């Protein structure tokens, strides 16, 4: 087997575990016009040092205006692991800049470390929006990211209500301290903060309906295609829409190290890398949570 070439400043990493997320499924459907090796949630071993690591997925240029202010994940010239112009983690080996790597503490297993990247995206909500401890927050969606957001907000001290349709998945949020609600008709204009994590086009419209005047909707879903929205209630009620994507790894690693987030309950099945097509088919089934690919 030929190994990927490592440029100066890059590390060659043997993938240990990789997770399939909704973005990977959307890439299959044409999101970003992607071609190549997908996968961006992983734990791995640096070949040169045997150091276990996770890696930030945005490869920045280091020179543009966003890089200059420490926002390399918005770099104007970036590539993105397994998404934009850089081969991803659904392979035996990958490469990433050494500056993108974070050591995995010994308290975190290889499988748990797979969740660092999506958990960092959940933590980004708190970096972007001033949600105080005790604030009322609705999380719309009981999928993988919704559950990570709900647990993160509970750990922060927010009063969280998770709306979904799957009792088993909602139980994970309930154990974290959230209230749970199974309904197709959530209350209107009630919440100062609503996190939209349904993965559906209808989720944004529902999130806006649930948000009170001067409230904030945080958008976490990655959806391929256009989403229609009646902007009248957004304007009349002066609702803020905040797009939210990648986040800092340090807070996510610390939450996992301190055992404040239960990710093991979110693993539905494991497949060897050689059975990736079957793993993708399983990940696409309704109600399935995290599918883990194993490499040896």
C-alpha atoms as a PDB file:
ATOM      1  CA  UNK A   1       0.000   0.000   0.000  1.00  0.00           C
ATOM      2  CA  UNK A   2       1.340   3.451  -0.913  1.00  0.00           C
ATOM      3  CA  UNK A   3       1.246   6.013   1.869  1.00  0.00           C
ATOM      4  CA  UNK A   4       0.069   9.592   1.248  1.00  0.00           C
ATOM      5  CA  UNK A   5       2.950  12.001   0.826  1.00  0.00           C
ATOM      6  CA  UNK A   6       3.595  14.394   3.716  1.00  0.00           C
ATOM      7  CA  UNK A   7       4.643  17.934   2.853  1.00  0.00           C
ATOM      8  CA  UNK A   8       6.957  19.854   5.191  1.00  0.00           C
ATOM      9  CA  UNK A   9       5.105  20.731   8.377  1.00  0.00           C
ATOM     10  CA  UNK A  10       2.566  17.933   7.840  1.00  0.00           C
ATOM     11  CA  UNK A  11       2.205  14.749   9.869  1.00  0.00           C
ATOM     12  CA  UNK A  12       1.409  11.317   8.502  1.00  0.00           C
ATOM     13  CA  UNK A  13      -1.332   9.817  10.662  1.00  0.00           C
ATOM     14  CA  UNK A  14      -2.615   6.268  10.828  1.00  0.00           C
ATOM     15  CA  UNK A  15      -6.364   6.443  11.350  1.00  0.00           C
ATOM     16  CA  UNK A  16      -7.546   4.471  14.399  1.00  0.00           C
ATOM     17  CA  UNK A  17     -11.242   5.291  14.404  1.00  0.00           C
ATOM     18  CA  UNK A  18     -13.440   7.491  12.216  1.00  0.00           C
ATOM     19  CA  UNK A  19     -17.054   8.581  12.547  1.00  0.00           C
ATOM     20  CA  UNK A  20     -19.714   9.082   9.891  1.00  0.00           C
ATOM     21  CA  UNK A  21     -21.705  12.290  10.319  1.00  0.00           C
ATOM     22  CA  UNK A  22     -24.599  13.899   8.487  1.00  0.00           C
ATOM     23  CA  UNK A  23     -22.207  16.064   6.457  1.00  0.00           C
ATOM     24  CA  UNK A  24     -20.637  12.911   5.040  1.00  0.00           C
ATOM     25  CA  UNK A  25     -24.080  11.706   4.002  1.00  0.00           C
ATOM     26  CA  UNK A  26     -24.819  15.072   2.383  1.00  0.00           C
ATOM     27  CA  UNK A  27     -21.523  14.871   0.476  1.00  0.00           C
ATOM     28  CA  UNK A  28     -22.819  11.661  -1.074  1.00  0.00           C
ATOM     29  CA  UNK A  29     -25.869  13.615  -2.237  1.00  0.00           C
ATOM     30  CA  UNK A  30     -23.780  16.289  -3.949  1.00  0.00           C
ATOM     31  CA  UNK A  31     -23.021  18.816  -1.205  1.00  0.00           C
ATOM     32  CA  UNK A  32     -20.000  20.971  -2.209  1.00  0.00           C
ATOM     33  CA  UNK A  33     -19.706  18.961  -5.441  1.00  0.00           C
ATOM     34  CA  UNK A  34     -17.362  16.718  -3.466  1.00  0.00           C
ATOM     35  CA  UNK A  35     -15.122  14.125  -5.088  1.00  0.00           C
ATOM     36  CA  UNK A  36     -12.527  12.114  -3.201  1.00  0.00           C
ATOM     37  CA  UNK A  37     -12.089  10.500   0.219  1.00  0.00           C
ATOM     38  CA  UNK A  38     -14.573  11.846   2.809  1.00  0.00           C
ATOM     39  CA  UNK A  39     -14.342  11.729   6.595  1.00  0.00           C
ATOM     40  CA  UNK A  40     -13.356  14.416   9.086  1.00  0.00           C
ATOM     41  CA  UNK A  41     -14.134  12.953  12.532  1.00  0.00           C
ATOM     42  CA  UNK A  42     -11.228  10.741  13.580  1.00  0.00           C
ATOM     43  CA  UNK A  43      -8.680   9.647  16.121  1.00  0.00           C
ATOM     44  CA  UNK A  44      -5.270   8.626  14.898  1.00  0.00           C
ATOM     45  CA  UNK A  45      -1.669   7.827  15.627  1.00  0.00           C
ATOM     46  CA  UNK A  46       1.168  10.039  14.352  1.00  0.00           C
ATOM     47  CA  UNK A  47       3.428   7.599  12.531  1.00  0.00           C
ATOM     48  CA  UNK A  48       6.656   9.397  13.483  1.00  0.00           C
ATOM     49  CA  UNK A  49       5.959   9.558  17.223  1.00  0.00           C
ATOM     50  CA  UNK A  50       3.161   7.095  18.130  1.00  0.00           C
ATOM     51  CA  UNK A  51       1.298  10.055  19.654  1.00  0.00           C
ATOM     52  CA  UNK A  52      -2.489   9.647  19.685  1.00  0.00           C
ATOM     53  CA  UNK A  53      -4.108  12.742  18.188  1.00  0.00           C
ATOM     54  CA  UNK A  54      -7.238  14.347  16.877  1.00  0.00           C
ATOM     55  CA  UNK A  55      -7.034  17.020  14.197  1.00  0.00           C
ATOM     56  CA  UNK A  56      -8.750  20.270  13.328  1.00  0.00           C
ATOM     57  CA  UNK A  57     -10.232  19.889   9.878  1.00  0.00           C
ATOM     58  CA  UNK A  58      -9.596  23.326   8.351  1.00  0.00           C
ATOM     59  CA  UNK A  59      -6.231  23.733   6.637  1.00  0.00           C
ATOM     60  CA  UNK A  60      -5.576  27.468   6.574  1.00  0.00           C
ATOM     61  CA  UNK A  61      -3.099  29.525   4.560  1.00  0.00           C
ATOM     62  CA  UNK A  62      -1.788  31.484   7.562  1.00  0.00           C
ATOM     63  CA  UNK A  63      -1.680  34.767   5.622  1.00  0.00           C
ATOM     64  CA  UNK A  64      -5.220  36.039   4.923  1.00  0.00           C
ATOM     65  CA  UNK A  65      -7.219  38.462   7.066  1.00  0.00           C
ATOM     66  CA  UNK A  66      -9.024  35.692   8.949  1.00  0.00           C
ATOM     67  CA  UNK A  67      -5.816  33.800   9.698  1.00  0.00           C
ATOM     68  CA  UNK A  68      -4.351  37.056  11.034  1.00  0.00           C
ATOM     69  CA  UNK A  69      -7.051  37.226  13.736  1.00  0.00           C
ATOM     70  CA  UNK A  70      -6.922  33.552  14.668  1.00  0.00           C
ATOM     71  CA  UNK A  71      -9.930  32.420  12.628  1.00  0.00           C
ATOM     72  CA  UNK A  72      -8.204  29.976  10.338  1.00  0.00           C
ATOM     73  CA  UNK A  73     -11.414  27.967  10.067  1.00  0.00           C
ATOM     74  CA  UNK A  74     -12.724  30.877   7.961  1.00  0.00           C
ATOM     75  CA  UNK A  75      -9.516  31.211   5.950  1.00  0.00           C
ATOM     76  CA  UNK A  76     -10.263  32.564   2.475  1.00  0.00           C
ATOM     77  CA  UNK A  77      -7.941  29.963   0.936  1.00  0.00           C
ATOM     78  CA  UNK A  78      -8.645  26.976   3.169  1.00  0.00           C
ATOM     79  CA  UNK A  79      -9.054  23.353   2.301  1.00  0.00           C
ATOM     80  CA  UNK A  80     -11.068  21.098   4.585  1.00  0.00           C
ATOM     81  CA  UNK A  81     -10.286  17.534   5.586  1.00  0.00           C
ATOM     82  CA  UNK A  82     -12.598  15.160   3.747  1.00  0.00           C
ATOM     83  CA  UNK A  83     -14.785  18.001   2.479  1.00  0.00           C
ATOM     84  CA  UNK A  84     -12.836  20.514   0.368  1.00  0.00           C
ATOM     85  CA  UNK A  85      -9.644  19.635  -1.544  1.00  0.00           C
ATOM     86  CA  UNK A  86      -8.018  17.418   1.095  1.00  0.00           C
ATOM     87  CA  UNK A  87      -8.406  13.618   1.359  1.00  0.00           C
ATOM     88  CA  UNK A  88     -10.282  12.598   4.466  1.00  0.00           C
ATOM     89  CA  UNK A  89     -10.313  10.086   7.315  1.00  0.00           C
ATOM     90  CA  UNK A  90     -12.112   7.159   5.695  1.00  0.00           C
ATOM     91  CA  UNK A  91      -8.754   5.682   4.765  1.00  0.00           C
ATOM     92  CA  UNK A  92      -5.914   3.878   6.533  1.00  0.00           C
ATOM     93  CA  UNK A  93      -3.762   7.026   6.590  1.00  0.00           C
ATOM     94  CA  UNK A  94      -4.228  10.766   6.254  1.00  0.00           C
ATOM     95  CA  UNK A  95      -2.063  13.865   6.488  1.00  0.00           C
ATOM     96  CA  UNK A  96      -2.655  17.118   8.359  1.00  0.00           C
ATOM     97  CA  UNK A  97      -0.516  20.095   9.359  1.00  0.00           C
ATOM     98  CA  UNK A  98       1.205  19.463  12.666  1.00  0.00           C
ATOM     99  CA  UNK A  99      -0.305  22.742  13.890  1.00  0.00           C
ATOM    100  CA  UNK A 100      -3.797  21.214  13.469  1.00  0.00           C
ATOM    101  CA  UNK A 101      -3.131  18.333  15.838  1.00  0.00           C
ATOM    102  CA  UNK A 102      -4.158  17.957  19.476  1.00  0.00           C
ATOM    103  CA  UNK A 103      -2.894  15.147  21.740  1.00  0.00           C
ATOM    104  CA  UNK A 104      -5.584  12.843  23.123  1.00  0.00           C
ATOM    105  CA  UNK A 105      -5.451  12.705  26.935  1.00  0.00           C
ATOM    106  CA  UNK A 106      -5.109   9.216  28.376  1.00  0.00           C
ATOM    107  CA  UNK A 107      -8.568   9.513  29.972  1.00  0.00           C
ATOM    108  CA  UNK A 108     -10.188   9.578  26.497  1.00  0.00           C
ATOM    109  CA  UNK A 109     -10.468   6.384  24.432  1.00  0.00           C
ATOM    110  CA  UNK A 110      -9.897   6.193  20.681  1.00  0.00           C
ATOM    111  CA  UNK A 111     -13.660   5.952  20.096  1.00  0.00           C
ATOM    112  CA  UNK A 112     -14.502   8.825  22.423  1.00  0.00           C
ATOM    113  CA  UNK A 113     -11.885  10.978  20.676  1.00  0.00           C
ATOM    114  CA  UNK A 114     -13.807  10.627  17.404  1.00  0.00           C
ATOM    115  CA  UNK A 115     -16.399  12.932  18.966  1.00  0.00           C
ATOM    116  CA  UNK A 116     -13.954  15.809  19.621  1.00  0.00           C
ATOM    117  CA  UNK A 117     -14.632  17.469  16.255  1.00  0.00           C
ATOM    118  CA  UNK A 118     -18.464  17.422  16.445  1.00  0.00           C
ATOM    119  CA  UNK A 119     -18.354  18.275  20.161  1.00  0.00           C
ATOM    120  CA  UNK A 120     -16.179  21.290  19.308  1.00  0.00           C
ATOM    121  CA  UNK A 121     -18.934  22.329  16.887  1.00  0.00           C
ATOM    122  CA  UNK A 122     -21.411  22.052  19.762  1.00  0.00           C
ATOM    123  CA  UNK A 123     -19.158  24.153  22.010  1.00  0.00           C
ATOM    124  CA  UNK A 124     -19.010  26.811  19.278  1.00  0.00           C
ATOM    125  CA  UNK A 125     -22.578  27.780  20.191  1.00  0.00           C
ATOM    126  CA  UNK A 126     -21.315  29.123  23.521  1.00  0.00           C
ATOM    127  CA  UNK A 127     -18.444  30.989  21.847  1.00  0.00           C
ATOM    128  CA  UNK A 128     -20.828  32.729  19.453  1.00  0.00           C
ATOM    129  CA  UNK A 129     -23.892  33.468  21.578  1.00  0.00           C
ATOM    130  CA  UNK A 130     -23.950  34.842  25.159  1.00  0.00           C
ATOM    131  CA  UNK A 131     -26.099  32.134  26.749  1.00  0.00           C
ATOM    132  CA  UNK A 132     -26.028  32.627  30.508  1.00  0.00           C
ATOM    133  CA  UNK A 133     -26.204  29.823  33.033  1.00  0.00           C
ATOM    134  CA  UNK A 134     -29.888  29.315  33.764  1.00  0.00           C
ATOM    135  CA  UNK A 135     -31.070  30.620  30.383  1.00  0.00           C
ATOM    136  CA  UNK A 136     -33.911  28.787  28.633  1.00  0.00           C
ATOM    137  CA  UNK A 137     -32.702  27.063  25.471  1.00  0.00           C
ATOM    138  CA  UNK A 138     -34.570  24.803  23.079  1.00  0.00           C
ATOM    139  CA  UNK A 139     -32.665  22.268  21.007  1.00  0.00           C
ATOM    140  CA  UNK A 140     -34.630  21.172  17.971  1.00  0.00           C
ATOM    141  CA  UNK A 141     -33.542  17.700  16.858  1.00  0.00           C
ATOM    142  CA  UNK A 142     -32.402  14.561  18.663  1.00  0.00           C
ATOM    143  CA  UNK A 143     -29.704  13.469  16.218  1.00  0.00           C
ATOM    144  CA  UNK A 144     -25.992  13.239  16.884  1.00  0.00           C
ATOM    145  CA  UNK A 145     -25.230  16.960  16.863  1.00  0.00           C
ATOM    146  CA  UNK A 146     -28.428  17.909  18.677  1.00  0.00           C
ATOM    147  CA  UNK A 147     -27.559  15.547  21.515  1.00  0.00           C
ATOM    148  CA  UNK A 148     -24.016  16.898  21.750  1.00  0.00           C
ATOM    149  CA  UNK A 149     -25.327  20.477  21.815  1.00  0.00           C
ATOM    150  CA  UNK A 150     -27.895  19.579  24.471  1.00  0.00           C
ATOM    151  CA  UNK A 151     -25.290  17.910  26.690  1.00  0.00           C
ATOM    152  CA  UNK A 152     -22.868  20.818  26.242  1.00  0.00           C
ATOM    153  CA  UNK A 153     -25.515  23.372  27.180  1.00  0.00           C
ATOM    154  CA  UNK A 154     -26.546  21.301  30.201  1.00  0.00           C
ATOM    155  CA  UNK A 155     -22.917  21.144  31.338  1.00  0.00           C
ATOM    156  CA  UNK A 156     -22.830  24.945  30.966  1.00  0.00           C
ATOM    157  CA  UNK A 157     -25.829  25.265  33.281  1.00  0.00           C
ATOM    158  CA  UNK A 158     -28.534  26.244  30.797  1.00  0.00           C
ATOM    159  CA  UNK A 159     -32.128  25.085  31.199  1.00  0.00           C
ATOM    160  CA  UNK A 160     -32.396  22.914  28.106  1.00  0.00           C
ATOM    161  CA  UNK A 161     -35.444  21.394  26.447  1.00  0.00           C
ATOM    162  CA  UNK A 162     -34.807  18.967  23.584  1.00  0.00           C
ATOM    163  CA  UNK A 163     -37.526  18.386  20.998  1.00  0.00           C
ATOM    164  CA  UNK A 164     -37.350  15.168  19.019  1.00  0.00           C
ATOM    165  CA  UNK A 165     -39.134  12.002  17.977  1.00  0.00           C
ATOM    166  CA  UNK A 166     -37.058   9.135  19.381  1.00  0.00           C
ATOM    167  CA  UNK A 167     -37.455   8.216  23.053  1.00  0.00           C
ATOM    168  CA  UNK A 168     -34.229   6.214  23.154  1.00  0.00           C
ATOM    169  CA  UNK A 169     -32.130   9.075  21.830  1.00  0.00           C
ATOM    170  CA  UNK A 170     -33.885  11.679  23.942  1.00  0.00           C
ATOM    171  CA  UNK A 171     -33.045   9.611  27.018  1.00  0.00           C
ATOM    172  CA  UNK A 172     -29.378  10.550  26.483  1.00  0.00           C
ATOM    173  CA  UNK A 173     -30.332  14.231  26.790  1.00  0.00           C
ATOM    174  CA  UNK A 174     -32.564  13.563  29.775  1.00  0.00           C
ATOM    175  CA  UNK A 175     -29.709  11.851  31.638  1.00  0.00           C
ATOM    176  CA  UNK A 176     -27.600  14.956  31.004  1.00  0.00           C
ATOM    177  CA  UNK A 177     -30.222  17.095  32.734  1.00  0.00           C
ATOM    178  CA  UNK A 178     -32.379  18.284  29.835  1.00  0.00           C
ATOM    179  CA  UNK A 179     -36.134  18.246  29.659  1.00  0.00           C
ATOM    180  CA  UNK A 180     -37.356  16.237  26.695  1.00  0.00           C
ATOM    181  CA  UNK A 181     -40.436  16.635  24.536  1.00  0.00           C
ATOM    182  CA  UNK A 182     -41.864  14.471  21.764  1.00  0.00           C
ATOM    183  CA  UNK A 183     -44.233  16.596  19.705  1.00  0.00           C
ATOM    184  CA  UNK A 184     -44.883  17.809  16.179  1.00  0.00           C
ATOM    185  CA  UNK A 185     -46.192  21.111  17.535  1.00  0.00           C
ATOM    186  CA  UNK A 186     -43.633  22.797  19.834  1.00  0.00           C
ATOM    187  CA  UNK A 187     -44.697  26.005  21.609  1.00  0.00           C
ATOM    188  CA  UNK A 188     -44.507  29.189  19.571  1.00  0.00           C
ATOM    189  CA  UNK A 189     -42.545  32.332  20.497  1.00  0.00           C
ATOM    190  CA  UNK A 190     -41.351  30.896  23.816  1.00  0.00           C
ATOM    191  CA  UNK A 191     -37.570  30.554  23.813  1.00  0.00           C
ATOM    192  CA  UNK A 192     -34.883  33.260  23.810  1.00  0.00           C
ATOM    193  CA  UNK A 193     -32.476  30.750  22.214  1.00  0.00           C
ATOM    194  CA  UNK A 194     -33.281  27.926  19.811  1.00  0.00           C
ATOM    195  CA  UNK A 195     -30.620  25.627  18.375  1.00  0.00           C
ATOM    196  CA  UNK A 196     -31.736  24.118  15.061  1.00  0.00           C
ATOM    197  CA  UNK A 197     -30.151  20.676  14.625  1.00  0.00           C
ATOM    198  CA  UNK A 198     -32.812  18.664  12.826  1.00  0.00           C
ATOM    199  CA  UNK A 199     -30.882  18.173   9.591  1.00  0.00           C
ATOM    200  CA  UNK A 200     -34.077  19.035   7.730  1.00  0.00           C
ATOM    201  CA  UNK A 201     -35.227  21.977   5.635  1.00  0.00           C
ATOM    202  CA  UNK A 202     -38.334  22.336   7.792  1.00  0.00           C
ATOM    203  CA  UNK A 203     -36.217  22.718  10.927  1.00  0.00           C
ATOM    204  CA  UNK A 204     -35.304  26.351  10.296  1.00  0.00           C
ATOM    205  CA  UNK A 205     -38.919  27.376   9.837  1.00  0.00           C
ATOM    206  CA  UNK A 206     -39.896  25.553  13.016  1.00  0.00           C
ATOM    207  CA  UNK A 207     -37.008  27.105  14.953  1.00  0.00           C
ATOM    208  CA  UNK A 208     -38.044  30.623  13.940  1.00  0.00           C
ATOM    209  CA  UNK A 209     -41.623  29.915  15.026  1.00  0.00           C
ATOM    210  CA  UNK A 210     -40.410  28.783  18.476  1.00  0.00           C
ATOM    211  CA  UNK A 211     -38.234  31.866  19.097  1.00  0.00           C
ATOM    212  CA  UNK A 212     -39.558  34.831  21.019  1.00  0.00           C
ATOM    213  CA  UNK A 213     -39.067  38.458  19.943  1.00  0.00           C
ATOM    214  CA  UNK A 214     -35.427  39.567  20.021  1.00  0.00           C
ATOM    215  CA  UNK A 215     -34.397  35.938  20.405  1.00  0.00           C
ATOM    216  CA  UNK A 216     -31.674  34.020  18.588  1.00  0.00           C
ATOM    217  CA  UNK A 217     -31.773  30.975  16.335  1.00  0.00           C
ATOM    218  CA  UNK A 218     -28.473  29.094  16.066  1.00  0.00           C
ATOM    219  CA  UNK A 219     -28.258  27.065  12.859  1.00  0.00           C
ATOM    220  CA  UNK A 220     -26.284  23.820  13.115  1.00  0.00           C
ATOM    221  CA  UNK A 221     -27.789  21.740  10.286  1.00  0.00           C
ATOM    222  CA  UNK A 222     -25.847  21.163   7.095  1.00  0.00           C
ATOM    223  CA  UNK A 223     -28.428  20.657   4.334  1.00  0.00           C
ATOM    224  CA  UNK A 224     -27.741  20.162   0.647  1.00  0.00           C
ATOM    225  CA  UNK A 225     -30.008  22.447  -1.385  1.00  0.00           C
ATOM    226  CA  UNK A 226     -31.973  25.636  -0.841  1.00  0.00           C
ATOM    227  CA  UNK A 227     -34.268  26.181   2.133  1.00  0.00           C
ATOM    228  CA  UNK A 228     -37.299  28.450   1.812  1.00  0.00           C
ATOM    229  CA  UNK A 229     -38.084  30.790   4.699  1.00  0.00           C
ATOM    230  CA  UNK A 230     -40.747  33.402   5.335  1.00  0.00           C
ATOM    231  CA  UNK A 231     -38.600  36.297   6.533  1.00  0.00           C
ATOM    232  CA  UNK A 232     -41.539  38.345   7.845  1.00  0.00           C
ATOM    233  CA  UNK A 233     -41.490  36.883  11.392  1.00  0.00           C
ATOM    234  CA  UNK A 234     -37.694  37.172  11.472  1.00  0.00           C
ATOM    235  CA  UNK A 235     -37.915  40.879  10.655  1.00  0.00           C
ATOM    236  CA  UNK A 236     -41.038  41.757  12.641  1.00  0.00           C
ATOM    237  CA  UNK A 237     -39.835  39.951  15.763  1.00  0.00           C
ATOM    238  CA  UNK A 238     -36.217  41.050  15.248  1.00  0.00           C
ATOM    239  CA  UNK A 239     -34.900  37.515  15.497  1.00  0.00           C
ATOM    240  CA  UNK A 240     -31.177  36.937  15.003  1.00  0.00           C
ATOM    241  CA  UNK A 241     -30.064  34.023  12.825  1.00  0.00           C
ATOM    242  CA  UNK A 242     -26.581  32.759  13.654  1.00  0.00           C
ATOM    243  CA  UNK A 243     -24.838  30.238  11.449  1.00  0.00           C
ATOM    244  CA  UNK A 244     -22.637  27.935  13.494  1.00  0.00           C
ATOM    245  CA  UNK A 245     -20.057  25.500  12.166  1.00  0.00           C
ATOM    246  CA  UNK A 246     -16.672  24.382  13.520  1.00  0.00           C
ATOM    247  CA  UNK A 247     -15.373  25.196  16.979  1.00  0.00           C
ATOM    248  CA  UNK A 248     -12.266  25.147  19.149  1.00  0.00           C
ATOM    249  CA  UNK A 249     -11.015  21.699  20.130  1.00  0.00           C
ATOM    250  CA  UNK A 250      -9.697  22.575  23.601  1.00  0.00           C
ATOM    251  CA  UNK A 251     -13.103  22.964  25.316  1.00  0.00           C
ATOM    252  CA  UNK A 252     -14.380  19.762  23.705  1.00  0.00           C
ATOM    253  CA  UNK A 253     -11.356  17.757  24.820  1.00  0.00           C
ATOM    254  CA  UNK A 254     -11.720  19.067  28.349  1.00  0.00           C
ATOM    255  CA  UNK A 255     -15.429  18.171  28.520  1.00  0.00           C
ATOM    256  CA  UNK A 256     -14.598  14.623  27.446  1.00  0.00           C
ATOM    257  CA  UNK A 257     -11.631  14.380  29.801  1.00  0.00           C
ATOM    258  CA  UNK A 258     -13.829  15.427  32.725  1.00  0.00           C
ATOM    259  CA  UNK A 259     -16.519  12.895  31.669  1.00  0.00           C
ATOM    260  CA  UNK A 260     -19.140  15.651  31.394  1.00  0.00           C
ATOM    261  CA  UNK A 261     -20.402  14.414  28.017  1.00  0.00           C
ATOM    262  CA  UNK A 262     -21.628  10.865  27.411  1.00  0.00           C
ATOM    263  CA  UNK A 263     -20.593   9.949  23.877  1.00  0.00           C
ATOM    264  CA  UNK A 264     -20.407   6.181  24.321  1.00  0.00           C
ATOM    265  CA  UNK A 265     -24.207   6.033  24.506  1.00  0.00           C
ATOM    266  CA  UNK A 266     -24.287   7.689  21.087  1.00  0.00           C
ATOM    267  CA  UNK A 267     -22.430   4.895  19.257  1.00  0.00           C
ATOM    268  CA  UNK A 268     -24.905   2.754  17.327  1.00  0.00           C
ATOM    269  CA  UNK A 269     -22.562   0.334  15.520  1.00  0.00           C
ATOM    270  CA  UNK A 270     -18.974  -0.284  14.485  1.00  0.00           C
ATOM    271  CA  UNK A 271     -17.769  -1.432  11.071  1.00  0.00           C
ATOM    272  CA  UNK A 272     -14.281  -2.227   9.774  1.00  0.00           C
ATOM    273  CA  UNK A 273     -13.007   0.270   7.233  1.00  0.00           C
ATOM    274  CA  UNK A 274     -13.259  -2.434   4.561  1.00  0.00           C
ATOM    275  CA  UNK A 275     -17.049  -2.396   5.036  1.00  0.00           C
ATOM    276  CA  UNK A 276     -17.445   1.362   4.578  1.00  0.00           C
ATOM    277  CA  UNK A 277     -20.311   1.084   2.015  1.00  0.00           C
ATOM    278  CA  UNK A 278     -22.364  -0.982   4.470  1.00  0.00           C
ATOM    279  CA  UNK A 279     -21.475   1.474   7.232  1.00  0.00           C
ATOM    280  CA  UNK A 280     -22.750   4.398   5.147  1.00  0.00           C
ATOM    281  CA  UNK A 281     -25.984   2.552   4.434  1.00  0.00           C
ATOM    282  CA  UNK A 282     -26.465   1.947   8.141  1.00  0.00           C
ATOM    283  CA  UNK A 283     -25.645   5.584   8.993  1.00  0.00           C
ATOM    284  CA  UNK A 284     -28.348   6.744   6.581  1.00  0.00           C
ATOM    285  CA  UNK A 285     -31.093   4.756   8.302  1.00  0.00           C
ATOM    286  CA  UNK A 286     -33.543   6.887  10.336  1.00  0.00           C
ATOM    287  CA  UNK A 287     -32.871   6.893  14.058  1.00  0.00           C
ATOM    288  CA  UNK A 288     -29.260   5.710  13.840  1.00  0.00           C
ATOM    289  CA  UNK A 289     -26.680   7.648  15.840  1.00  0.00           C
ATOM    290  CA  UNK A 290     -22.894   7.444  15.402  1.00  0.00           C
ATOM    291  CA  UNK A 291     -21.422   4.803  13.132  1.00  0.00           C
ATOM    292  CA  UNK A 292     -17.739   4.172  13.829  1.00  0.00           C
ATOM    293  CA  UNK A 293     -15.261   2.861  11.251  1.00  0.00           C
ATOM    294  CA  UNK A 294     -12.352   0.908  12.735  1.00  0.00           C
ATOM    295  CA  UNK A 295      -8.918   0.565  11.156  1.00  0.00           C
ATOM    296  CA  UNK A 296      -7.257  -2.500  12.650  1.00  0.00           C
END
